[in-house]
Amino acid sequence: MYEIVHWMRWPLEIAVNCDDMHDPVCASLDEVRENIDRLDRALVPLLLERRGYVRAAAAFKTDAAHVAAPDRVERVVAHVRALATEAGGSPDFIEHLYRGMIATYIADELRLWEAERG
């Protein structure tokens, strides 16, 4: 089974394999939501830790173009696609998710970079 996922403002459509090994079996919607909440409790601290490192990188960047670091973005995307493949998941889904996340981190880092130099 495949479904189309639209996320954020991107027109990108990603076919997500809903039958892969990462589709849990739950007995109720409450159980699904409890597990999503459990995962969010684990993910949020990690995302905030990642934000700290991204913001720390701003101190080492000499101009706004270095903040965006498009070459680094592509290396990160290639890396997480490989991680998704190794984990038996959809590299396309993970790429789409990471590109949105990276764009948010870059905007945050740029605001910090400008505030520190402005």
Protein backbone atom coordinates (compact mmCIF):
# COMPACT_ATOMS: atom_id res chain seq x y z
CA MET A 1 0.00 0.00 0.00
CA TYR A 2 1.30 3.48 -0.85
CA GLU A 3 0.08 6.91 0.15
CA ILE A 4 1.11 10.40 -0.86
CA VAL A 5 2.51 12.59 1.89
CA HIS A 6 2.43 16.39 1.55
CA TRP A 7 4.39 18.25 4.17
CA MET A 8 5.15 21.87 4.82
CA ARG A 9 4.85 24.15 1.80
CA TRP A 10 6.75 21.96 -0.60
CA PRO A 11 4.95 20.64 -3.66
CA LEU A 12 7.05 17.50 -3.41
CA GLU A 13 5.08 14.28 -3.30
CA ILE A 14 6.69 11.25 -1.75
CA ALA A 15 5.41 7.73 -2.14
CA VAL A 16 5.70 6.13 1.26
CA ASN A 17 5.66 2.38 1.52
CA CYS A 18 3.13 1.74 4.28
CA ASP A 19 3.95 -1.96 4.42
CA ASP A 20 7.59 -1.64 5.43
CA MET A 21 9.08 -2.98 8.64
CA HIS A 22 8.48 0.31 10.46
CA ASP A 23 4.70 0.04 10.43
CA PRO A 24 3.71 -0.98 13.95
CA VAL A 25 0.60 -2.94 14.78
CA CYS A 26 -1.50 -1.26 17.45
CA ALA A 27 -4.79 -2.35 18.92
CA SER A 28 -6.27 1.15 19.20
CA LEU A 29 -5.85 4.78 18.25
CA ASP A 30 -4.98 5.50 21.88
CA GLU A 31 -2.12 3.01 21.66
CA VAL A 32 -0.90 4.66 18.46
CA ARG A 33 -0.99 8.08 20.09
CA GLU A 34 0.74 6.85 23.25
CA ASN A 35 3.58 5.51 21.13
CA ILE A 36 3.84 8.71 19.11
CA ASP A 37 4.02 10.65 22.39
CA ARG A 38 6.71 8.26 23.65
CA LEU A 39 8.75 8.83 20.51
CA ASP A 40 8.26 12.60 20.74
CA ARG A 41 9.61 12.52 24.31
CA ALA A 42 12.77 10.89 22.91
CA LEU A 43 13.02 13.02 19.75
CA VAL A 44 12.50 16.52 21.15
CA PRO A 45 15.58 16.50 23.41
CA LEU A 46 17.68 15.18 20.52
CA LEU A 47 16.37 17.84 18.14
CA LEU A 48 17.13 20.53 20.72
CA GLU A 49 20.63 19.11 21.21
CA ARG A 50 21.12 19.19 17.43
CA ARG A 51 19.93 22.82 17.44
CA GLY A 52 22.60 23.65 20.01
CA TYR A 53 25.33 22.31 17.73
CA VAL A 54 23.90 24.11 14.70
CA ARG A 55 23.82 27.35 16.66
CA ALA A 56 27.39 26.75 17.87
CA ALA A 57 28.46 26.46 14.24
CA ALA A 58 27.34 30.05 13.63
CA ALA A 59 30.36 31.33 15.57
CA PHE A 60 32.69 29.73 13.02
CA LYS A 61 30.99 31.10 9.90
CA THR A 62 32.37 34.20 8.23
CA ASP A 63 29.33 35.26 6.20
CA ALA A 64 25.67 34.46 5.62
CA ALA A 65 26.47 32.25 2.62
CA HIS A 66 28.46 29.98 4.91
CA VAL A 67 25.44 29.69 7.20
CA ALA A 68 23.39 28.10 4.42
CA ALA A 69 26.29 25.77 3.51
CA PRO A 70 24.60 24.04 0.57
CA ASP A 71 27.46 21.55 0.13
CA ARG A 72 27.10 20.50 3.77
CA VAL A 73 23.32 20.17 3.35
CA GLU A 74 23.83 17.77 0.45
CA ARG A 75 26.36 15.72 2.45
CA VAL A 76 23.94 15.48 5.38
CA VAL A 77 21.10 14.47 3.06
CA ALA A 78 23.24 11.77 1.42
CA HIS A 79 24.24 10.52 4.87
CA VAL A 80 20.70 10.29 6.24
CA ARG A 81 19.45 8.65 3.04
CA ALA A 82 22.08 5.96 3.57
CA LEU A 83 21.05 5.62 7.22
CA ALA A 84 17.42 5.20 6.16
CA THR A 85 18.36 2.51 3.66
CA GLU A 86 20.44 0.69 6.29
CA ALA A 87 17.47 0.84 8.67
CA GLY A 88 15.12 -0.58 6.04
CA GLY A 89 13.15 2.65 5.64
CA SER A 90 12.35 5.03 2.83
CA PRO A 91 15.33 7.25 1.92
CA ASP A 92 12.97 9.58 0.03
CA PHE A 93 10.81 10.10 3.11
CA ILE A 94 13.85 10.76 5.32
CA GLU A 95 15.35 13.16 2.76
CA HIS A 96 12.13 15.16 2.62
CA LEU A 97 11.89 15.26 6.40
CA TYR A 98 15.52 16.31 6.80
CA ARG A 99 15.37 19.01 4.13
CA GLY A 100 12.50 20.63 6.03
CA MET A 101 14.30 20.26 9.33
CA ILE A 102 17.59 21.59 7.92
CA ALA A 103 15.83 24.62 6.42
CA THR A 104 14.40 25.40 9.87
CA TYR A 105 17.79 24.99 11.54
CA ILE A 106 19.47 27.21 8.91
CA ALA A 107 16.88 29.97 9.40
CA ASP A 108 17.46 29.79 13.16
CA GLU A 109 21.24 29.82 12.74
CA LEU A 110 21.06 32.77 10.33
CA ARG A 111 18.99 34.80 12.81
CA LEU A 112 21.60 34.09 15.49
CA TRP A 113 24.51 34.84 13.14
CA GLU A 114 22.96 38.18 12.12
CA ALA A 115 22.15 39.11 15.73
CA GLU A 116 25.73 38.42 16.81
CA ARG A 117 27.15 40.56 14.02
CA GLY A 118 24.45 43.17 13.72
